């Protein structure tokens, strides 16, 4: 094994530029692509379940203005006592603040036909199908300890803004409560009617105040003004944070562009073990009143899995991953396509916004991903991140010479990272990877560096490092 120091003096920090890497010229962002149409035809009208009790039989008007609260609750009590569903014929059923008992089954004639319009709190052992739920300014909630509840082909609308307290979010999982085994299948989560999130979840990270085994499968998230999903973990002073959120999973979902971040998982203590797979993220960051714009943020959770997803241009990083000091992240990011050349937003990322950003991340795996960009900063930026494994990825800066950047900048004591069978392609010059500022003992094994022929000089390796840094290279190739 050959250890070689490859010198390029004065490599830059996060917001700077390596000296031989030209800054991209500032251009107006191209117009955004039209959002894809929702898949499938309009949902057919659902039929009344056998034995169901209609809310109309209990006096519900369903005209959108009459207060149907008493009629709906009477139908719920009667149906629950008999063990049959509550039926909502086509109509808009205006109600106030309703807390539903455990064990309710509710069905509508279709989420575009039957609307339970109010501030609804669901309990456990509940089944909801083909029904729209919610109202502007209010969130849909869950009782403390709710479990074994399934929503199928439901739609959630409304939501309060960031200053609305417990109504922040179209769907709200509140602090100080717990829930488990809540499933959303083929549902539509509407855009927040104010300036907030689609889904807001606050875990206190202790038994009795956390969330586990909650899943969204084949759901469509409309673009909320802030985040489509925000999960945070904060102490409440009532106990040790030793039981954080876990198994909050997303599979085969589509996320329209969000105003700030598309999804964010934040943890100050043990939390994570969530899987995001087969999803499409159509970008983030169109609402410039919010300062961020990342596609996917992992800020402190461990054991996160991001598998087989498509992510399109964001105003910030597509992956913004921050670790917790002294804790191995254990993150697996595998088989994804990160394509910043295709945009569904009208805002382009700034020079300081890298596509993949690792800060303080140790022990992650980044494998078999495709990363492409024609705007923003480097494709990969790492600071203070060590012992991560990269393998089988392709990194392609499609900008022409004079605008392209190095593919990767590894800096600020990011050490002992291993890159195997990677492909770095850029027209920036004779360097595809810069290593600087105490980033020791990084290794590049069997990596390919695709650089313009005109810039290839004798001994070009594709890597440049500060003179005092150790870099291991073996079996790589530089081509044009």
Protein backbone atom coordinates (compact mmCIF):
# COMPACT_ATOMS: atom_id res chain seq x y z
CA UNK A 1 0.00 0.00 0.00
CA UNK A 2 1.46 3.34 -1.02
CA UNK A 3 1.00 6.39 1.17
CA UNK A 4 1.35 9.59 -0.85
CA UNK A 5 1.08 13.25 0.19
CA UNK A 6 -0.42 15.16 -2.75
CA UNK A 7 0.12 18.87 -2.31
CA UNK A 8 -2.16 21.79 -3.02
CA UNK A 9 -1.42 24.56 -0.59
CA UNK A 10 -4.11 26.60 1.07
CA UNK A 11 -7.26 24.51 0.57
CA UNK A 12 -10.39 26.36 1.60
CA UNK A 13 -12.85 25.98 4.48
CA UNK A 14 -16.59 25.41 4.11
CA UNK A 15 -17.53 28.74 2.59
CA UNK A 16 -14.36 29.26 0.59
CA UNK A 17 -13.00 27.87 -2.63
CA UNK A 18 -9.86 25.86 -3.20
CA UNK A 19 -7.39 28.09 -5.03
CA UNK A 20 -7.34 26.24 -8.33
CA UNK A 21 -11.09 25.59 -8.31
CA UNK A 22 -12.90 28.42 -10.13
CA UNK A 23 -16.09 29.85 -8.73
CA UNK A 24 -19.15 29.15 -10.86
CA UNK A 25 -20.48 32.24 -12.55
CA UNK A 26 -23.70 33.60 -11.06
CA UNK A 27 -26.65 32.92 -13.32
CA UNK A 28 -30.39 33.03 -12.93
CA UNK A 29 -31.87 29.65 -12.06
CA UNK A 30 -33.64 27.91 -14.92
CA UNK A 31 -37.42 27.77 -14.70
CA UNK A 32 -38.70 24.95 -12.57
CA UNK A 33 -40.16 21.87 -14.19
CA UNK A 34 -43.87 21.31 -13.80
CA UNK A 35 -44.79 19.06 -10.93
CA UNK A 36 -45.84 15.60 -12.02
CA UNK A 37 -49.55 14.96 -11.98
CA UNK A 38 -50.79 12.77 -9.12
CA UNK A 39 -50.62 9.16 -10.11
CA UNK A 40 -53.80 7.39 -11.15
CA UNK A 41 -57.28 8.60 -11.95
CA UNK A 42 -59.62 10.22 -9.41
CA UNK A 43 -60.53 7.76 -6.71
CA UNK A 44 -63.79 5.97 -7.40
CA UNK A 45 -66.61 6.47 -4.94
CA UNK A 46 -66.38 4.05 -2.05
CA UNK A 47 -69.40 2.01 -1.05
CA UNK A 48 -71.00 1.94 2.36
CA UNK A 49 -69.50 -0.85 4.49
CA UNK A 50 -71.84 -3.64 5.50
CA UNK A 51 -73.73 -2.78 8.68
CA UNK A 52 -72.31 0.74 8.92
CA UNK A 53 -74.34 3.46 10.64
CA UNK A 54 -74.68 6.66 8.63
CA UNK A 55 -74.14 9.98 10.38
CA UNK A 56 -77.11 11.26 8.37
CA UNK A 57 -79.36 8.93 10.34
CA UNK A 58 -78.31 10.81 13.50
CA UNK A 59 -79.15 14.22 12.06
CA UNK A 60 -75.87 15.27 10.39
CA UNK A 61 -76.53 17.79 7.62
CA UNK A 62 -73.19 17.54 5.78
CA UNK A 63 -73.66 21.01 4.26
CA UNK A 64 -70.38 22.52 5.53
CA UNK A 65 -72.06 25.12 7.75
CA UNK A 66 -74.39 23.32 10.17
CA UNK A 67 -72.61 22.19 13.35
CA UNK A 68 -72.74 18.41 13.02
CA UNK A 69 -70.68 17.71 16.17
CA UNK A 70 -73.54 16.20 18.21
CA UNK A 71 -74.77 14.05 15.33
CA UNK A 72 -71.29 12.71 14.52
CA UNK A 73 -70.55 11.87 18.16
CA UNK A 74 -73.93 10.16 18.55
CA UNK A 75 -73.21 8.04 15.47
CA UNK A 76 -69.73 7.21 16.79
CA UNK A 77 -71.09 6.06 20.16
CA UNK A 78 -73.79 3.92 18.58
CA UNK A 79 -71.51 2.35 15.96
CA UNK A 80 -68.73 1.65 18.45
CA UNK A 81 -71.19 -0.04 20.79
CA UNK A 82 -72.33 -2.30 17.94
CA UNK A 83 -68.83 -2.87 16.58
CA UNK A 84 -69.66 -1.48 13.12
CA UNK A 85 -68.22 1.46 11.12
CA UNK A 86 -69.50 5.01 11.01
CA UNK A 87 -70.44 5.99 7.46
CA UNK A 88 -70.02 9.50 6.06
CA UNK A 89 -72.02 9.91 2.84
CA UNK A 90 -70.79 12.51 0.39
CA UNK A 91 -70.78 15.91 2.09
CA UNK A 92 -68.84 18.27 4.35
CA UNK A 93 -69.47 17.66 8.05
CA UNK A 94 -68.53 20.74 10.05
CA UNK A 95 -67.62 19.92 13.66
CA UNK A 96 -65.79 21.62 16.49
CA UNK A 97 -63.03 20.05 18.59
CA UNK A 98 -63.80 16.32 18.75
CA UNK A 99 -61.91 13.68 20.72
CA UNK A 100 -62.86 10.27 19.38
CA UNK A 101 -62.97 7.21 21.65
CA UNK A 102 -60.84 4.16 21.13
CA UNK A 103 -62.00 1.48 18.74
CA UNK A 104 -63.72 3.67 16.14
CA UNK A 105 -64.04 2.66 12.48
CA UNK A 106 -64.92 5.47 10.08
CA UNK A 107 -65.46 5.36 6.32
CA UNK A 108 -66.39 7.93 3.70
CA UNK A 109 -67.41 7.80 0.08
CA UNK A 110 -63.96 9.10 -0.92
CA UNK A 111 -61.49 11.64 0.40
CA UNK A 112 -62.57 14.04 -2.35
CA UNK A 113 -66.26 13.53 -1.47
CA UNK A 114 -66.60 13.11 2.31
CA UNK A 115 -64.98 15.65 4.66
CA UNK A 116 -64.96 15.62 8.46
CA UNK A 117 -64.11 19.30 8.83
CA UNK A 118 -62.89 20.09 12.33
CA UNK A 119 -60.13 19.71 14.90
CA UNK A 120 -60.07 15.96 15.34
CA UNK A 121 -58.17 13.89 17.91
CA UNK A 122 -57.96 10.17 17.18
CA UNK A 123 -57.47 7.39 19.70
CA UNK A 124 -56.16 3.85 19.41
CA UNK A 125 -57.56 0.80 17.61
CA UNK A 126 -59.05 3.10 14.99
CA UNK A 127 -59.65 2.56 11.28
CA UNK A 128 -60.28 5.46 8.90
CA UNK A 129 -60.79 4.97 5.15
CA UNK A 130 -61.73 7.21 2.22
CA UNK A 131 -62.29 10.33 4.32
CA UNK A 132 -60.88 13.87 4.39
CA UNK A 133 -60.07 15.17 7.88
CA UNK A 134 -59.15 18.57 9.32
CA UNK A 135 -59.71 22.29 8.88
CA UNK A 136 -57.64 25.41 8.32
CA UNK A 137 -55.78 26.62 11.39
CA UNK A 138 -56.05 23.33 13.27
CA UNK A 139 -54.01 20.13 13.44
CA UNK A 140 -55.16 16.53 13.58
CA UNK A 141 -54.03 14.99 16.88
CA UNK A 142 -53.70 11.67 18.70
CA UNK A 143 -54.60 10.81 22.27
CA UNK A 144 -51.80 9.86 24.63
CA UNK A 145 -50.94 6.18 24.17
CA UNK A 146 -52.80 5.80 20.87
CA UNK A 147 -51.83 2.53 19.17
CA UNK A 148 -52.90 0.20 16.36
CA UNK A 149 -54.54 2.86 14.22
CA UNK A 150 -54.64 2.79 10.43
CA UNK A 151 -55.58 5.46 7.89
CA UNK A 152 -56.15 4.24 4.35
CA UNK A 153 -56.80 6.55 1.37
CA UNK A 154 -57.45 9.39 3.83
CA UNK A 155 -56.60 13.05 3.28
CA UNK A 156 -55.40 15.44 5.97
CA UNK A 157 -55.89 19.17 5.49
CA UNK A 158 -55.53 22.40 7.45
CA UNK A 159 -52.83 22.93 10.03
CA UNK A 160 -51.76 25.91 12.06
CA UNK A 161 -48.71 28.13 11.68
CA UNK A 162 -45.49 28.23 13.64
CA UNK A 163 -47.04 30.41 16.34
CA UNK A 164 -50.16 28.24 16.80
CA UNK A 165 -48.82 26.01 19.60
CA UNK A 166 -50.43 22.58 19.58
CA UNK A 167 -52.02 23.23 16.20
CA UNK A 168 -48.64 23.55 14.47
CA UNK A 169 -48.72 21.03 11.62
CA UNK A 170 -51.43 19.45 9.52
CA UNK A 171 -50.81 16.31 11.61
CA UNK A 172 -49.45 16.85 15.13
CA UNK A 173 -47.76 14.36 17.42
CA UNK A 174 -47.51 16.39 20.60
CA UNK A 175 -44.85 16.57 23.28
CA UNK A 176 -45.59 14.75 26.52
CA UNK A 177 -47.49 11.98 24.75
CA UNK A 178 -46.72 8.65 23.15
CA UNK A 179 -48.09 6.62 20.27
CA UNK A 180 -47.14 3.42 18.48
CA UNK A 181 -48.24 1.40 15.46
CA UNK A 182 -49.88 4.26 13.56
CA UNK A 183 -50.05 3.59 9.82
CA UNK A 184 -50.84 5.88 6.92
CA UNK A 185 -51.43 3.95 3.68
CA UNK A 186 -52.03 5.66 0.31
CA UNK A 187 -52.92 8.89 2.10
CA UNK A 188 -52.60 12.50 1.03
CA UNK A 189 -51.06 14.96 3.50
CA UNK A 190 -52.07 18.43 2.38
CA UNK A 191 -49.97 21.56 2.46
CA UNK A 192 -50.15 23.49 5.72
CA UNK A 193 -52.81 26.20 5.46
CA UNK A 194 -50.58 28.70 7.31
CA UNK A 195 -46.75 28.89 7.45
CA UNK A 196 -46.03 25.59 9.19
CA UNK A 197 -45.29 21.92 8.57
CA UNK A 198 -47.17 19.02 7.09
CA UNK A 199 -46.29 16.61 9.92
CA UNK A 200 -44.90 17.91 13.23
CA UNK A 201 -43.67 15.48 15.86
CA UNK A 202 -42.14 16.33 19.25
CA UNK A 203 -40.65 13.50 21.29
CA UNK A 204 -39.37 14.04 24.82
CA UNK A 205 -37.17 10.96 24.47
CA UNK A 206 -38.42 9.10 27.53
CA UNK A 207 -40.87 6.30 28.22
CA UNK A 208 -44.41 7.63 27.97
CA UNK A 209 -43.35 10.63 25.90
CA UNK A 210 -42.01 9.30 22.61
CA UNK A 211 -43.15 7.87 19.27
CA UNK A 212 -42.39 4.51 17.71
CA UNK A 213 -43.47 2.32 14.79
CA UNK A 214 -45.26 4.98 12.78
CA UNK A 215 -45.23 4.55 9.01
CA UNK A 216 -46.27 6.28 5.82
CA UNK A 217 -46.59 4.01 2.76
CA UNK A 218 -47.42 5.21 -0.78
CA UNK A 219 -48.46 8.62 0.54
CA UNK A 220 -48.35 11.97 -1.26
CA UNK A 221 -47.10 14.98 0.71
CA UNK A 222 -48.12 18.31 -0.75
CA UNK A 223 -45.52 21.05 -0.36
CA UNK A 224 -45.94 22.84 2.97
CA UNK A 225 -44.55 26.36 3.45
CA UNK A 226 -41.99 25.10 6.00
CA UNK A 227 -41.22 21.37 6.24
CA UNK A 228 -43.18 18.41 4.97
CA UNK A 229 -42.09 16.36 8.01
CA UNK A 230 -40.29 17.63 11.11
CA UNK A 231 -39.33 15.26 13.94
CA UNK A 232 -37.58 16.75 16.96
CA UNK A 233 -36.52 15.38 20.32
CA UNK A 234 -36.30 17.71 23.30
CA UNK A 235 -36.05 17.07 27.06
CA UNK A 236 -38.96 18.12 29.24
CA UNK A 237 -37.23 17.86 32.61
CA UNK A 238 -39.34 14.86 33.66
CA UNK A 239 -36.76 12.14 33.13
CA UNK A 240 -33.66 10.96 31.33
CA UNK A 241 -33.77 10.92 27.53
CA UNK A 242 -33.16 7.20 27.08
CA UNK A 243 -36.16 6.15 24.96
CA UNK A 244 -36.11 8.27 21.83
CA UNK A 245 -38.28 7.99 18.76
CA UNK A 246 -37.65 5.02 16.48
CA UNK A 247 -38.97 3.23 13.38
CA UNK A 248 -40.67 6.27 11.89
CA UNK A 249 -40.60 4.84 8.38
CA UNK A 250 -41.42 6.16 4.93
CA UNK A 251 -41.82 3.87 1.91
CA UNK A 252 -42.70 4.67 -1.70
CA UNK A 253 -43.94 8.17 -0.89
CA UNK A 254 -43.81 11.30 -3.05
CA UNK A 255 -42.88 14.66 -1.54
CA UNK A 256 -43.69 17.83 -3.43
CA UNK A 257 -41.23 20.71 -2.90
CA UNK A 258 -41.36 22.16 0.60
CA UNK A 259 -40.71 25.75 1.50
CA UNK A 260 -37.78 25.07 3.82
CA UNK A 261 -36.71 21.45 4.36
CA UNK A 262 -38.46 18.40 3.01
CA UNK A 263 -37.90 16.11 6.00
CA UNK A 264 -35.90 16.70 9.17
CA UNK A 265 -35.02 14.27 11.96
CA UNK A 266 -33.45 15.99 14.97
CA UNK A 267 -32.24 14.30 18.16
CA UNK A 268 -30.39 15.46 21.27
CA UNK A 269 -30.22 11.95 22.73
CA UNK A 270 -30.73 8.33 21.66
CA UNK A 271 -33.19 8.22 18.76
CA UNK A 272 -33.35 7.01 15.17
CA UNK A 273 -33.45 3.59 13.48
CA UNK A 274 -35.83 4.96 10.87
CA UNK A 275 -35.97 3.82 7.23
CA UNK A 276 -36.77 6.01 4.22
CA UNK A 277 -36.99 3.91 1.06
CA UNK A 278 -38.27 4.18 -2.48
CA UNK A 279 -39.40 7.79 -2.07
CA UNK A 280 -39.26 10.71 -4.48
CA UNK A 281 -38.32 14.16 -3.17
CA UNK A 282 -39.09 16.90 -5.68
CA UNK A 283 -36.87 19.46 -3.99
CA UNK A 284 -36.97 21.96 -1.14
CA UNK A 285 -36.34 25.60 -0.40
CA UNK A 286 -38.78 27.62 -2.49
CA UNK A 287 -39.82 29.71 0.55
CA UNK A 288 -36.86 32.03 1.00
CA UNK A 289 -38.34 33.50 4.18
CA UNK A 290 -36.85 30.40 5.82
CA UNK A 291 -33.03 30.28 5.87
CA UNK A 292 -32.37 26.63 5.12
CA UNK A 293 -33.66 24.65 2.16
CA UNK A 294 -32.21 21.17 2.66
CA UNK A 295 -33.84 18.15 1.16
CA UNK A 296 -33.19 15.64 3.94
CA UNK A 297 -31.73 16.55 7.34
CA UNK A 298 -30.40 14.08 9.90
CA UNK A 299 -29.32 16.12 12.90
CA UNK A 300 -28.18 13.73 15.61
CA UNK A 301 -30.23 10.53 15.16
CA UNK A 302 -28.43 7.20 14.72
CA UNK A 303 -29.13 4.12 12.64
CA UNK A 304 -30.95 6.05 9.93
CA UNK A 305 -31.40 4.26 6.58
CA UNK A 306 -31.96 6.16 3.35
CA UNK A 307 -32.34 3.57 0.60
CA UNK A 308 -33.32 3.71 -3.07
CA UNK A 309 -34.74 7.24 -3.17
CA UNK A 310 -34.72 9.98 -5.82
CA UNK A 311 -33.88 13.52 -4.68
CA UNK A 312 -34.04 16.55 -6.96
CA UNK A 313 -32.56 20.04 -6.67
CA UNK A 314 -32.84 21.84 -3.34
CA UNK A 315 -31.86 25.37 -2.33
CA UNK A 316 -29.64 23.83 0.35
CA UNK A 317 -27.90 20.48 0.55
CA UNK A 318 -29.78 17.40 -0.61
CA UNK A 319 -28.44 15.51 2.41
CA UNK A 320 -27.47 17.58 5.45
CA UNK A 321 -26.15 15.17 8.06
CA UNK A 322 -24.84 16.25 11.45
CA UNK A 323 -23.62 13.76 14.04
CA UNK A 324 -23.59 13.78 17.82
CA UNK A 325 -20.19 14.04 19.50
CA UNK A 326 -18.81 10.70 20.63
CA UNK A 327 -21.56 8.69 18.93
CA UNK A 328 -21.27 6.56 15.79
CA UNK A 329 -24.02 7.58 13.41
CA UNK A 330 -24.48 4.14 11.84
CA UNK A 331 -26.30 5.84 8.97
CA UNK A 332 -26.70 3.92 5.72
CA UNK A 333 -27.30 5.95 2.54
CA UNK A 334 -27.47 3.48 -0.33
CA UNK A 335 -28.71 3.18 -3.90
CA UNK A 336 -30.09 6.72 -4.21
CA UNK A 337 -30.08 9.22 -7.06
CA UNK A 338 -29.28 12.81 -6.10
CA UNK A 339 -29.90 14.88 -9.23
CA UNK A 340 -29.42 18.63 -8.87
CA UNK A 341 -29.59 19.07 -12.65
CA UNK A 342 -33.36 18.67 -12.55
CA UNK A 343 -35.40 21.25 -10.67
CA UNK A 344 -38.99 21.65 -9.50
CA UNK A 345 -38.20 24.90 -7.65
CA UNK A 346 -37.38 28.37 -8.99
CA UNK A 347 -34.41 28.90 -6.64
CA UNK A 348 -30.86 27.70 -7.26
CA UNK A 349 -28.45 26.71 -4.46
CA UNK A 350 -25.67 29.15 -3.57
CA UNK A 351 -21.96 28.40 -3.90
CA UNK A 352 -21.78 27.48 -0.19
CA UNK A 353 -24.50 24.81 -0.53
CA UNK A 354 -22.92 21.43 -1.18
CA UNK A 355 -25.01 18.54 -2.46
CA UNK A 356 -24.01 16.07 0.27
CA UNK A 357 -22.87 17.64 3.56
CA UNK A 358 -21.44 15.68 6.51
CA UNK A 359 -20.58 17.57 9.71
CA UNK A 360 -19.31 15.66 12.73
CA UNK A 361 -20.52 12.36 11.27
CA UNK A 362 -18.63 9.20 12.24
CA UNK A 363 -19.25 5.62 11.14
CA UNK A 364 -21.69 6.16 8.27
CA UNK A 365 -21.97 4.16 5.02
CA UNK A 366 -22.55 5.91 1.69
CA UNK A 367 -22.85 3.25 -1.02
CA UNK A 368 -23.89 2.86 -4.67
CA UNK A 369 -25.36 6.35 -5.00
CA UNK A 370 -25.37 8.64 -8.04
CA UNK A 371 -24.71 12.33 -7.38
CA UNK A 372 -25.01 14.91 -10.19
CA UNK A 373 -25.00 18.70 -10.12
CA UNK A 374 -24.75 21.71 -12.38
CA UNK A 375 -25.26 24.35 -9.66
CA UNK A 376 -24.15 25.10 -6.10
CA UNK A 377 -20.99 23.94 -4.37
CA UNK A 378 -19.04 20.71 -4.28
CA UNK A 379 -20.88 17.43 -4.56
CA UNK A 380 -19.46 16.28 -1.21
CA UNK A 381 -18.27 18.36 1.73
CA UNK A 382 -17.04 16.78 4.98
CA UNK A 383 -15.94 18.58 8.13
CA UNK A 384 -15.05 16.87 11.39
CA UNK A 385 -16.28 13.54 10.03
CA UNK A 386 -14.27 10.33 10.41
CA UNK A 387 -14.36 6.58 9.83
CA UNK A 388 -17.04 6.78 7.17
CA UNK A 389 -17.14 4.30 4.27
CA UNK A 390 -17.87 5.33 0.69
CA UNK A 391 -18.09 2.69 -2.03
CA UNK A 392 -19.43 2.35 -5.56
CA UNK A 393 -20.67 5.93 -5.84
CA UNK A 394 -20.50 8.18 -8.91
CA UNK A 395 -19.89 11.91 -8.44
CA UNK A 396 -20.48 13.99 -11.58
CA UNK A 397 -20.15 17.76 -11.90
CA UNK A 398 -21.64 18.42 -15.34
CA UNK A 399 -20.55 22.07 -15.55
CA UNK A 400 -18.01 22.98 -18.20
CA UNK A 401 -14.42 23.97 -17.55
CA UNK A 402 -14.33 27.38 -15.93
CA UNK A 403 -17.51 26.73 -13.97
CA UNK A 404 -17.06 23.18 -12.66
CA UNK A 405 -15.76 22.53 -9.14
CA UNK A 406 -13.88 19.69 -7.52
CA UNK A 407 -16.23 16.86 -6.66
CA UNK A 408 -15.26 16.61 -2.99
CA UNK A 409 -13.72 18.75 -0.24
CA UNK A 410 -12.61 16.86 2.88
CA UNK A 411 -11.51 19.17 5.66
CA UNK A 412 -11.44 20.12 9.34
CA UNK A 413 -9.98 16.88 10.78
CA UNK A 414 -12.18 14.57 8.71
CA UNK A 415 -9.95 11.53 9.05
CA UNK A 416 -9.74 7.79 8.36
CA UNK A 417 -12.48 7.85 5.74
CA UNK A 418 -12.23 5.17 3.06
CA UNK A 419 -13.36 5.61 -0.55
CA UNK A 420 -13.52 2.42 -2.64
CA UNK A 421 -14.50 2.00 -6.30
CA UNK A 422 -15.63 5.59 -6.55
CA UNK A 423 -15.94 7.56 -9.79
CA UNK A 424 -15.24 11.30 -9.64
CA UNK A 425 -15.88 13.31 -12.82
CA UNK A 426 -15.37 17.04 -13.21
CA UNK A 427 -14.02 19.54 -15.72
CA UNK A 428 -12.61 21.75 -12.95
CA UNK A 429 -8.97 20.98 -13.76
CA UNK A 430 -6.54 18.30 -12.63
CA UNK A 431 -8.08 17.86 -9.17
CA UNK A 432 -11.33 16.10 -8.30
CA UNK A 433 -10.79 15.83 -4.51
CA UNK A 434 -9.26 18.37 -2.13
CA UNK A 435 -8.11 17.40 1.37
CA UNK A 436 -7.19 20.07 3.89
CA UNK A 437 -6.95 21.35 7.44
CA UNK A 438 -5.95 18.28 9.48
CA UNK A 439 -7.92 15.68 7.53
CA UNK A 440 -5.48 12.79 8.03
CA UNK A 441 -5.29 9.19 6.82
CA UNK A 442 -8.05 9.20 4.25
CA UNK A 443 -7.82 6.40 1.68
CA UNK A 444 -8.84 6.13 -1.99
CA UNK A 445 -8.84 2.55 -3.26
CA UNK A 446 -9.51 1.62 -6.89
CA UNK A 447 -11.11 5.00 -7.58
CA UNK A 448 -11.49 6.54 -11.05
CA UNK A 449 -10.90 10.25 -11.67
CA UNK A 450 -12.35 11.56 -14.94
CA UNK A 451 -10.68 14.88 -15.77
CA UNK A 452 -10.30 16.95 -18.94
CA UNK A 453 -7.33 15.87 -21.03
CA UNK A 454 -6.03 19.41 -21.38
CA UNK A 455 -5.57 19.76 -17.63
CA UNK A 456 -3.84 16.45 -17.03
CA UNK A 457 -0.17 17.00 -16.24
CA UNK A 458 2.49 14.44 -15.48
CA UNK A 459 1.75 12.73 -12.20
CA UNK A 460 -1.84 13.92 -12.01
CA UNK A 461 -3.68 11.76 -9.50
CA UNK A 462 -6.97 13.60 -9.17
CA UNK A 463 -6.33 14.33 -5.49
CA UNK A 464 -4.68 17.33 -3.85
CA UNK A 465 -3.90 17.60 -0.15
CA UNK A 466 -2.16 19.98 2.24
CA UNK A 467 1.55 19.08 2.48
CA UNK A 468 1.38 17.66 6.01
CA UNK A 469 -1.51 15.27 5.35
CA UNK A 470 -1.24 11.53 4.80
CA UNK A 471 -3.39 10.15 1.98
CA UNK A 472 -3.45 6.52 0.89
CA UNK A 473 -4.08 5.76 -2.77
CA UNK A 474 -4.08 2.36 -4.41
CA UNK A 475 -5.25 0.99 -7.75
CA UNK A 476 -6.83 4.20 -9.00
CA UNK A 477 -6.87 5.62 -12.54
CA UNK A 478 -7.07 9.06 -14.11
CA UNK A 479 -8.90 9.19 -17.45
CA UNK A 480 -10.51 11.78 -19.67
